Amino acid sequence: ERPENTSYAGLKSRKSKCMANLKK
C-alpha cells in the first residue's frame, strides 16, 4: 500500500526507527 517504501527490509528498518523515536 506504500509505494514510497521500496523494500521489505527498508520498511522494517523504518518501522523500528519510528518506534524507537516514539518511545523516546
mmCIF file of all heavy atoms, coordinates in Angstrom:
data_MODEL
# 
_entry.id   MODEL 
# 
loop_
_atom_site.group_PDB 
_atom_site.id 
_atom_site.type_symbol 
_atom_site.label_atom_id 
_atom_site.label_alt_id 
_atom_site.label_comp_id 
_atom_site.label_asym_id 
_atom_site.label_entity_id 
_atom_site.label_seq_id 
_atom_site.pdbx_PDB_ins_code 
_atom_site.Cartn_x 
_atom_site.Cartn_y 
_atom_site.Cartn_z 
_atom_site.occupancy 
_atom_site.B_iso_or_equiv 
_atom_site.pdbx_formal_charge 
_atom_site.auth_seq_id 
_atom_site.auth_comp_id 
_atom_site.auth_asym_id 
_atom_site.auth_atom_id 
_atom_site.pdbx_PDB_model_num 
ATOM 1   N N   . GLU A 1 1  ? 0.813  -1.224 0.000  1.00 0.00 ? 1  GLU A N   1 
ATOM 2   C CA  . GLU A 1 1  ? 0.000  0.000  0.000  1.00 0.00 ? 1  GLU A CA  1 
ATOM 3   C C   . GLU A 1 1  ? 0.846  1.274  0.000  1.00 0.00 ? 1  GLU A C   1 
ATOM 4   O O   . GLU A 1 1  ? 0.304  2.361  -0.186 1.00 0.00 ? 1  GLU A O   1 
ATOM 5   C CB  . GLU A 1 1  ? -0.929 0.009  1.222  1.00 0.00 ? 1  GLU A CB  1 
ATOM 6   C CG  . GLU A 1 1  ? -1.977 -1.094 1.200  1.00 0.00 ? 1  GLU A CG  1 
ATOM 7   C CD  . GLU A 1 1  ? -2.920 -1.014 2.382  1.00 0.00 ? 1  GLU A CD  1 
ATOM 8   O OE1 . GLU A 1 1  ? -3.130 0.105  2.902  1.00 0.00 ? 1  GLU A OE1 1 
ATOM 9   O OE2 . GLU A 1 1  ? -3.450 -2.067 2.802  1.00 0.00 ? 1  GLU A OE2 1 
ATOM 10  N N   . ARG A 1 2  ? 2.140  1.131  0.234  1.00 0.00 ? 2  ARG A N   1 
ATOM 11  C CA  . ARG A 1 2  ? 3.009  2.310  0.313  1.00 0.00 ? 2  ARG A CA  1 
ATOM 12  C C   . ARG A 1 2  ? 4.152  2.181  -0.707 1.00 0.00 ? 2  ARG A C   1 
ATOM 13  O O   . ARG A 1 2  ? 5.234  1.668  -0.391 1.00 0.00 ? 2  ARG A O   1 
ATOM 14  C CB  . ARG A 1 2  ? 3.595  2.449  1.723  1.00 0.00 ? 2  ARG A CB  1 
ATOM 15  C CG  . ARG A 1 2  ? 2.569  2.853  2.779  1.00 0.00 ? 2  ARG A CG  1 
ATOM 16  C CD  . ARG A 1 2  ? 3.236  2.998  4.143  1.00 0.00 ? 2  ARG A CD  1 
ATOM 17  N NE  . ARG A 1 2  ? 4.373  3.906  4.110  1.00 0.00 ? 2  ARG A NE  1 
ATOM 18  C CZ  . ARG A 1 2  ? 4.273  5.241  4.146  1.00 0.00 ? 2  ARG A CZ  1 
ATOM 19  N NH1 . ARG A 1 2  ? 3.088  5.816  4.234  1.00 0.00 ? 2  ARG A NH1 1 
ATOM 20  N NH2 . ARG A 1 2  ? 5.359  5.994  4.111  1.00 0.00 ? 2  ARG A NH2 1 
ATOM 21  N N   . PRO A 1 3  ? 3.920  2.653  -1.942 1.00 0.00 ? 3  PRO A N   1 
ATOM 22  C CA  . PRO A 1 3  ? 4.944  2.534  -2.985 1.00 0.00 ? 3  PRO A CA  1 
ATOM 23  C C   . PRO A 1 3  ? 6.231  3.282  -2.656 1.00 0.00 ? 3  PRO A C   1 
ATOM 24  O O   . PRO A 1 3  ? 7.285  2.980  -3.212 1.00 0.00 ? 3  PRO A O   1 
ATOM 25  C CB  . PRO A 1 3  ? 4.254  3.128  -4.224 1.00 0.00 ? 3  PRO A CB  1 
ATOM 26  C CG  . PRO A 1 3  ? 3.158  3.994  -3.677 1.00 0.00 ? 3  PRO A CG  1 
ATOM 27  C CD  . PRO A 1 3  ? 2.704  3.318  -2.433 1.00 0.00 ? 3  PRO A CD  1 
ATOM 28  N N   . GLU A 1 4  ? 6.144  4.263  -1.748 1.00 0.00 ? 4  GLU A N   1 
ATOM 29  C CA  . GLU A 1 4  ? 7.354  5.003  -1.382 1.00 0.00 ? 4  GLU A CA  1 
ATOM 30  C C   . GLU A 1 4  ? 8.338  4.148  -0.595 1.00 0.00 ? 4  GLU A C   1 
ATOM 31  O O   . GLU A 1 4  ? 9.514  4.487  -0.485 1.00 0.00 ? 4  GLU A O   1 
ATOM 32  C CB  . GLU A 1 4  ? 7.008  6.264  -0.589 1.00 0.00 ? 4  GLU A CB  1 
ATOM 33  C CG  . GLU A 1 4  ? 6.180  6.029  0.665  1.00 0.00 ? 4  GLU A CG  1 
ATOM 34  C CD  . GLU A 1 4  ? 4.684  6.150  0.432  1.00 0.00 ? 4  GLU A CD  1 
ATOM 35  O OE1 . GLU A 1 4  ? 4.189  5.414  -0.450 1.00 0.00 ? 4  GLU A OE1 1 
ATOM 36  O OE2 . GLU A 1 4  ? 4.037  6.960  1.113  1.00 0.00 ? 4  GLU A OE2 1 
ATOM 37  N N   . ASN A 1 5  ? 7.857  3.055  0.009  1.00 0.00 ? 5  ASN A N   1 
ATOM 38  C CA  . ASN A 1 5  ? 8.748  2.096  0.661  1.00 0.00 ? 5  ASN A CA  1 
ATOM 39  C C   . ASN A 1 5  ? 9.078  1.003  -0.357 1.00 0.00 ? 5  ASN A C   1 
ATOM 40  O O   . ASN A 1 5  ? 8.238  0.200  -0.723 1.00 0.00 ? 5  ASN A O   1 
ATOM 41  C CB  . ASN A 1 5  ? 8.083  1.484  1.894  1.00 0.00 ? 5  ASN A CB  1 
ATOM 42  C CG  . ASN A 1 5  ? 7.840  2.500  2.984  1.00 0.00 ? 5  ASN A CG  1 
ATOM 43  O OD1 . ASN A 1 5  ? 6.695  2.876  3.265  1.00 0.00 ? 5  ASN A OD1 1 
ATOM 44  N ND2 . ASN A 1 5  ? 8.894  2.982  3.599  1.00 0.00 ? 5  ASN A ND2 1 
ATOM 45  N N   . THR A 1 6  ? 10.319 0.979  -0.807 1.00 0.00 ? 6  THR A N   1 
ATOM 46  C CA  . THR A 1 6  ? 10.673 0.155  -1.964 1.00 0.00 ? 6  THR A CA  1 
ATOM 47  C C   . THR A 1 6  ? 11.089 -1.269 -1.621 1.00 0.00 ? 6  THR A C   1 
ATOM 48  O O   . THR A 1 6  ? 11.199 -2.105 -2.516 1.00 0.00 ? 6  THR A O   1 
ATOM 49  C CB  . THR A 1 6  ? 11.812 0.833  -2.748 1.00 0.00 ? 6  THR A CB  1 
ATOM 50  O OG1 . THR A 1 6  ? 12.932 1.041  -1.870 1.00 0.00 ? 6  THR A OG1 1 
ATOM 51  C CG2 . THR A 1 6  ? 11.345 2.181  -3.301 1.00 0.00 ? 6  THR A CG2 1 
ATOM 52  N N   . SER A 1 7  ? 11.343 -1.557 -0.348 1.00 0.00 ? 7  SER A N   1 
ATOM 53  C CA  . SER A 1 7  ? 11.757 -2.911 0.003  1.00 0.00 ? 7  SER A CA  1 
ATOM 54  C C   . SER A 1 7  ? 11.245 -3.300 1.381  1.00 0.00 ? 7  SER A C   1 
ATOM 55  O O   . SER A 1 7  ? 11.003 -2.445 2.232  1.00 0.00 ? 7  SER A O   1 
ATOM 56  C CB  . SER A 1 7  ? 13.284 -3.033 -0.022 1.00 0.00 ? 7  SER A CB  1 
ATOM 57  O OG  . SER A 1 7  ? 13.868 -2.312 1.056  1.00 0.00 ? 7  SER A OG  1 
ATOM 58  N N   . TYR A 1 8  ? 11.102 -4.610 1.586  1.00 0.00 ? 8  TYR A N   1 
ATOM 59  C CA  . TYR A 1 8  ? 10.660 -5.123 2.882  1.00 0.00 ? 8  TYR A CA  1 
ATOM 60  C C   . TYR A 1 8  ? 11.654 -4.755 3.973  1.00 0.00 ? 8  TYR A C   1 
ATOM 61  O O   . TYR A 1 8  ? 11.270 -4.304 5.056  1.00 0.00 ? 8  TYR A O   1 
ATOM 62  C CB  . TYR A 1 8  ? 10.495 -6.642 2.796  1.00 0.00 ? 8  TYR A CB  1 
ATOM 63  C CG  . TYR A 1 8  ? 10.044 -7.292 4.085  1.00 0.00 ? 8  TYR A CG  1 
ATOM 64  C CD1 . TYR A 1 8  ? 8.689  -7.467 4.361  1.00 0.00 ? 8  TYR A CD1 1 
ATOM 65  C CD2 . TYR A 1 8  ? 10.977 -7.725 5.029  1.00 0.00 ? 8  TYR A CD2 1 
ATOM 66  C CE1 . TYR A 1 8  ? 8.263  -8.059 5.540  1.00 0.00 ? 8  TYR A CE1 1 
ATOM 67  C CE2 . TYR A 1 8  ? 10.564 -8.314 6.218  1.00 0.00 ? 8  TYR A CE2 1 
ATOM 68  C CZ  . TYR A 1 8  ? 9.218  -8.478 6.469  1.00 0.00 ? 8  TYR A CZ  1 
ATOM 69  O OH  . TYR A 1 8  ? 8.809  -9.057 7.644  1.00 0.00 ? 8  TYR A OH  1 
ATOM 70  N N   . ALA A 1 9  ? 12.950 -4.951 3.687  1.00 0.00 ? 9  ALA A N   1 
ATOM 71  C CA  . ALA A 1 9  ? 13.987 -4.650 4.673  1.00 0.00 ? 9  ALA A CA  1 
ATOM 72  C C   . ALA A 1 9  ? 13.981 -3.163 5.038  1.00 0.00 ? 9  ALA A C   1 
ATOM 73  O O   . ALA A 1 9  ? 14.132 -2.789 6.208  1.00 0.00 ? 9  ALA A O   1 
ATOM 74  C CB  . ALA A 1 9  ? 15.358 -5.060 4.140  1.00 0.00 ? 9  ALA A CB  1 
ATOM 75  N N   . GLY A 1 10 ? 13.801 -2.315 4.035  1.00 0.00 ? 10 GLY A N   1 
ATOM 76  C CA  . GLY A 1 10 ? 13.775 -0.880 4.294  1.00 0.00 ? 10 GLY A CA  1 
ATOM 77  C C   . GLY A 1 10 ? 12.577 -0.475 5.129  1.00 0.00 ? 10 GLY A C   1 
ATOM 78  O O   . GLY A 1 10 ? 12.683 0.372  6.022  1.00 0.00 ? 10 GLY A O   1 
ATOM 79  N N   . LEU A 1 11 ? 11.414 -1.070 4.844  1.00 0.00 ? 11 LEU A N   1 
ATOM 80  C CA  . LEU A 1 11 ? 10.204 -0.778 5.611  1.00 0.00 ? 11 LEU A CA  1 
ATOM 81  C C   . LEU A 1 11 ? 10.354 -1.260 7.046  1.00 0.00 ? 11 LEU A C   1 
ATOM 82  O O   . LEU A 1 11 ? 9.968  -0.547 7.991  1.00 0.00 ? 11 LEU A O   1 
ATOM 83  C CB  . LEU A 1 11 ? 8.994  -1.447 4.959  1.00 0.00 ? 11 LEU A CB  1 
ATOM 84  C CG  . LEU A 1 11 ? 7.665  -1.315 5.708  1.00 0.00 ? 11 LEU A CG  1 
ATOM 85  C CD1 . LEU A 1 11 ? 7.266  0.147  5.860  1.00 0.00 ? 11 LEU A CD1 1 
ATOM 86  C CD2 . LEU A 1 11 ? 6.560  -2.105 4.989  1.00 0.00 ? 11 LEU A CD2 1 
ATOM 87  N N   . LYS A 1 12 ? 10.918 -2.451 7.226  1.00 0.00 ? 12 LYS A N   1 
ATOM 88  C CA  . LYS A 1 12 ? 11.121 -2.997 8.568  1.00 0.00 ? 12 LYS A CA  1 
ATOM 89  C C   . LYS A 1 12 ? 12.048 -2.098 9.382  1.00 0.00 ? 12 LYS A C   1 
ATOM 90  O O   . LYS A 1 12 ? 11.790 -1.820 10.564 1.00 0.00 ? 12 LYS A O   1 
ATOM 91  C CB  . LYS A 1 12 ? 11.702 -4.398 8.473  1.00 0.00 ? 12 LYS A CB  1 
ATOM 92  C CG  . LYS A 1 12 ? 11.864 -5.089 9.821  1.00 0.00 ? 12 LYS A CG  1 
ATOM 93  C CD  . LYS A 1 12 ? 12.365 -6.513 9.643  1.00 0.00 ? 12 LYS A CD  1 
ATOM 94  C CE  . LYS A 1 12 ? 12.507 -7.208 10.995 1.00 0.00 ? 12 LYS A CE  1 
ATOM 95  N NZ  . LYS A 1 12 ? 13.005 -8.603 10.823 1.00 0.00 ? 12 LYS A NZ  1 
ATOM 96  N N   . SER A 1 13 ? 13.126 -1.627 8.733  1.00 0.00 ? 13 SER A N   1 
ATOM 97  C CA  . SER A 1 13 ? 14.060 -0.727 9.412  1.00 0.00 ? 13 SER A CA  1 
ATOM 98  C C   . SER A 1 13 ? 13.389 0.593  9.764  1.00 0.00 ? 13 SER A C   1 
ATOM 99  O O   . SER A 1 13 ? 13.567 1.133  10.858 1.00 0.00 ? 13 SER A O   1 
ATOM 100 C CB  . SER A 1 13 ? 15.273 -0.474 8.514  1.00 0.00 ? 13 SER A CB  1 
ATOM 101 O OG  . SER A 1 13 ? 16.132 0.486  9.084  1.00 0.00 ? 13 SER A OG  1 
ATOM 102 N N   . ARG A 1 14 ? 12.579 1.114  8.841  1.00 0.00 ? 14 ARG A N   1 
ATOM 103 C CA  . ARG A 1 14 ? 11.875 2.378  9.074  1.00 0.00 ? 14 ARG A CA  1 
ATOM 104 C C   . ARG A 1 14 ? 10.906 2.253  10.244 1.00 0.00 ? 14 ARG A C   1 
ATOM 105 O O   . ARG A 1 14 ? 10.813 3.136  11.089 1.00 0.00 ? 14 ARG A O   1 
ATOM 106 C CB  . ARG A 1 14 ? 11.122 2.787  7.806  1.00 0.00 ? 14 ARG A CB  1 
ATOM 107 C CG  . ARG A 1 14 ? 10.317 4.078  7.921  1.00 0.00 ? 14 ARG A CG  1 
ATOM 108 C CD  . ARG A 1 14 ? 11.193 5.267  8.202  1.00 0.00 ? 14 ARG A CD  1 
ATOM 109 N NE  . ARG A 1 14 ? 10.450 6.516  8.175  1.00 0.00 ? 14 ARG A NE  1 
ATOM 110 C CZ  . ARG A 1 14 ? 10.882 7.651  8.682  1.00 0.00 ? 14 ARG A CZ  1 
ATOM 111 N NH1 . ARG A 1 14 ? 12.077 7.708  9.256  1.00 0.00 ? 14 ARG A NH1 1 
ATOM 112 N NH2 . ARG A 1 14 ? 10.151 8.737  8.612  1.00 0.00 ? 14 ARG A NH2 1 
ATOM 113 N N   . LYS A 1 15 ? 10.171 1.126  10.292 1.00 0.00 ? 15 LYS A N   1 
ATOM 114 C CA  . LYS A 1 15 ? 9.226  0.911  11.391 1.00 0.00 ? 15 LYS A CA  1 
ATOM 115 C C   . LYS A 1 15 ? 9.955  0.879  12.733 1.00 0.00 ? 15 LYS A C   1 
ATOM 116 O O   . LYS A 1 15 ? 9.499  1.469  13.716 1.00 0.00 ? 15 LYS A O   1 
ATOM 117 C CB  . LYS A 1 15 ? 8.446  -0.391 11.189 1.00 0.00 ? 15 LYS A CB  1 
ATOM 118 C CG  . LYS A 1 15 ? 7.415  -0.655 12.298 1.00 0.00 ? 15 LYS A CG  1 
ATOM 119 C CD  . LYS A 1 15 ? 6.759  -1.999 12.164 1.00 0.00 ? 15 LYS A CD  1 
ATOM 120 C CE  . LYS A 1 15 ? 7.680  -3.114 12.590 1.00 0.00 ? 15 LYS A CE  1 
ATOM 121 N NZ  . LYS A 1 15 ? 7.930  -3.119 14.070 1.00 0.00 ? 15 LYS A NZ  1 
ATOM 122 N N   . SER A 1 16 ? 11.087 0.206  12.778 1.00 0.00 ? 16 SER A N   1 
ATOM 123 C CA  . SER A 1 16 ? 11.855 0.109  14.023 1.00 0.00 ? 16 SER A CA  1 
ATOM 124 C C   . SER A 1 16 ? 12.347 1.486  14.467 1.00 0.00 ? 16 SER A C   1 
ATOM 125 O O   . SER A 1 16 ? 12.288 1.821  15.660 1.00 0.00 ? 16 SER A O   1 
ATOM 126 C CB  . SER A 1 16 ? 13.049 -0.832 13.832 1.00 0.00 ? 16 SER A CB  1 
ATOM 127 O OG  . SER A 1 16 ? 12.611 -2.145 13.557 1.00 0.00 ? 16 SER A OG  1 
ATOM 128 N N   . LYS A 1 17 ? 12.837 2.284  13.517 1.00 0.00 ? 17 LYS A N   1 
ATOM 129 C CA  . LYS A 1 17 ? 13.317 3.629  13.854 1.00 0.00 ? 17 LYS A CA  1 
ATOM 130 C C   . LYS A 1 17 ? 12.161 4.513  14.325 1.00 0.00 ? 17 LYS A C   1 
ATOM 131 O O   . LYS A 1 17 ? 12.320 5.307  15.259 1.00 0.00 ? 17 LYS A O   1 
ATOM 132 C CB  . LYS A 1 17 ? 14.016 4.255  12.647 1.00 0.00 ? 17 LYS A CB  1 
ATOM 133 C CG  . LYS A 1 17 ? 15.349 3.607  12.314 1.00 0.00 ? 17 LYS A CG  1 
ATOM 134 C CD  . LYS A 1 17 ? 15.984 4.249  11.087 1.00 0.00 ? 17 LYS A CD  1 
ATOM 135 C CE  . LYS A 1 17 ? 17.321 3.593  10.760 1.00 0.00 ? 17 LYS A CE  1 
ATOM 136 N NZ  . LYS A 1 17 ? 17.927 4.180  9.539  1.00 0.00 ? 17 LYS A NZ  1 
ATOM 137 N N   . CYS A 1 18 ? 11.011 4.371  13.675 1.00 0.00 ? 18 CYS A N   1 
ATOM 138 C CA  . CYS A 1 18 ? 9.842  5.160  14.068 1.00 0.00 ? 18 CYS A CA  1 
ATOM 139 C C   . CYS A 1 18 ? 9.403  4.788  15.488 1.00 0.00 ? 18 CYS A C   1 
ATOM 140 O O   . CYS A 1 18 ? 9.065  5.668  16.292 1.00 0.00 ? 18 CYS A O   1 
ATOM 141 C CB  . CYS A 1 18 ? 8.685  4.929  13.097 1.00 0.00 ? 18 CYS A CB  1 
ATOM 142 S SG  . CYS A 1 18 ? 8.928  5.664  11.463 1.00 0.00 ? 18 CYS A SG  1 
ATOM 143 N N   . MET A 1 19 ? 9.413  3.496  15.804 1.00 0.00 ? 19 MET A N   1 
ATOM 144 C CA  . MET A 1 19 ? 9.013  3.058  17.136 1.00 0.00 ? 19 MET A CA  1 
ATOM 145 C C   . MET A 1 19 ? 10.006 3.535  18.185 1.00 0.00 ? 19 MET A C   1 
ATOM 146 O O   . MET A 1 19 ? 9.615  3.953  19.281 1.00 0.00 ? 19 MET A O   1 
ATOM 147 C CB  . MET A 1 19 ? 8.880  1.537  17.169 1.00 0.00 ? 19 MET A CB  1 
ATOM 148 C CG  . MET A 1 19 ? 8.467  0.978  18.529 1.00 0.00 ? 19 MET A CG  1 
ATOM 149 S SD  . MET A 1 19 ? 6.964  1.763  19.221 1.00 0.00 ? 19 MET A SD  1 
ATOM 150 C CE  . MET A 1 19 ? 5.748  1.205  18.039 1.00 0.00 ? 19 MET A CE  1 
ATOM 151 N N   . ALA A 1 20 ? 11.296 3.494  17.858 1.00 0.00 ? 20 ALA A N   1 
ATOM 152 C CA  . ALA A 1 20 ? 12.310 3.983  18.796 1.00 0.00 ? 20 ALA A CA  1 
ATOM 153 C C   . ALA A 1 20 ? 12.121 5.480  19.044 1.00 0.00 ? 20 ALA A C   1 
ATOM 154 O O   . ALA A 1 20 ? 12.242 5.952  20.184 1.00 0.00 ? 20 ALA A O   1 
ATOM 155 C CB  . ALA A 1 20 ? 13.709 3.711  18.247 1.00 0.00 ? 20 ALA A CB  1 
ATOM 156 N N   . ASN A 1 21 ? 11.786 6.216  17.990 1.00 0.00 ? 21 ASN A N   1 
ATOM 157 C CA  . ASN A 1 21 ? 11.536 7.656  18.107 1.00 0.00 ? 21 ASN A CA  1 
ATOM 158 C C   . ASN A 1 21 ? 10.313 7.906  18.985 1.00 0.00 ? 21 ASN A C   1 
ATOM 159 O O   . ASN A 1 21 ? 10.316 8.777  19.862 1.00 0.00 ? 21 ASN A O   1 
ATOM 160 C CB  . ASN A 1 21 ? 11.323 8.246  16.714 1.00 0.00 ? 21 ASN A CB  1 
ATOM 161 C CG  . ASN A 1 21 ? 11.208 9.758  16.713 1.00 0.00 ? 21 ASN A CG  1 
ATOM 162 O OD1 . ASN A 1 21 ? 11.289 10.415 17.749 1.00 0.00 ? 21 ASN A OD1 1 
ATOM 163 N ND2 . ASN A 1 21 ? 11.022 10.325 15.536 1.00 0.00 ? 21 ASN A ND2 1 
ATOM 164 N N   . LEU A 1 22 ? 9.270  7.108  18.753 1.00 0.00 ? 22 LEU A N   1 
ATOM 165 C CA  . LEU A 1 22 ? 8.047  7.253  19.541 1.00 0.00 ? 22 LEU A CA  1 
ATOM 166 C C   . LEU A 1 22 ? 8.301  6.962  21.011 1.00 0.00 ? 22 LEU A C   1 
ATOM 167 O O   . LEU A 1 22 ? 7.857  7.707  21.897 1.00 0.00 ? 22 LEU A O   1 
ATOM 168 C CB  . LEU A 1 22 ? 6.958  6.319  18.998 1.00 0.00 ? 22 LEU A CB  1 
ATOM 169 C CG  . LEU A 1 22 ? 5.621  6.314  19.758 1.00 0.00 ? 22 LEU A CG  1 
ATOM 170 C CD1 . LEU A 1 22 ? 4.988  7.688  19.756 1.00 0.00 ? 22 LEU A CD1 1 
ATOM 171 C CD2 . LEU A 1 22 ? 4.675  5.275  19.148 1.00 0.00 ? 22 LEU A CD2 1 
ATOM 172 N N   . LYS A 1 23 ? 9.013  5.872  21.305 1.00 0.00 ? 23 LYS A N   1 
ATOM 173 C CA  . LYS A 1 23 ? 9.313  5.521  22.691 1.00 0.00 ? 23 LYS A CA  1 
ATOM 174 C C   . LYS A 1 23 ? 10.114 6.618  23.382 1.00 0.00 ? 23 LYS A C   1 
ATOM 175 O O   . LYS A 1 23 ? 9.879  6.936  24.554 1.00 0.00 ? 23 LYS A O   1 
ATOM 176 C CB  . LYS A 1 23 ? 10.076 4.197  22.736 1.00 0.00 ? 23 LYS A CB  1 
ATOM 177 C CG  . LYS A 1 23 ? 9.218  2.982  22.419 1.00 0.00 ? 23 LYS A CG  1 
ATOM 178 C CD  . LYS A 1 23 ? 10.031 1.699  22.496 1.00 0.00 ? 23 LYS A CD  1 
ATOM 179 C CE  . LYS A 1 23 ? 9.173  0.483  22.218 1.00 0.00 ? 23 LYS A CE  1 
ATOM 180 N NZ  . LYS A 1 23 ? 9.966  -0.771 22.260 1.00 0.00 ? 23 LYS A NZ  1 
ATOM 181 N N   . LYS A 1 24 ? 11.065 7.208  22.664 1.00 0.00 ? 24 LYS A N   1 
ATOM 182 C CA  . LYS A 1 24 ? 11.868 8.299  23.224 1.00 0.00 ? 24 LYS A CA  1 
ATOM 183 C C   . LYS A 1 24 ? 10.984 9.485  23.580 1.00 0.00 ? 24 LYS A C   1 
ATOM 184 O O   . LYS A 1 24 ? 11.097 10.062 24.664 1.00 0.00 ? 24 LYS A O   1 
ATOM 185 C CB  . LYS A 1 24 ? 12.937 8.715  22.219 1.00 0.00 ? 24 LYS A CB  1 
ATOM 186 C CG  . LYS A 1 24 ? 13.860 9.838  22.694 1.00 0.00 ? 24 LYS A CG  1 
ATOM 187 C CD  . LYS A 1 24 ? 14.948 10.087 21.657 1.00 0.00 ? 24 LYS A CD  1 
ATOM 188 C CE  . LYS A 1 24 ? 15.911 11.172 22.124 1.00 0.00 ? 24 LYS A CE  1 
ATOM 189 N NZ  . LYS A 1 24 ? 15.271 12.505 22.152 1.00 0.00 ? 24 LYS A NZ  1 
# 
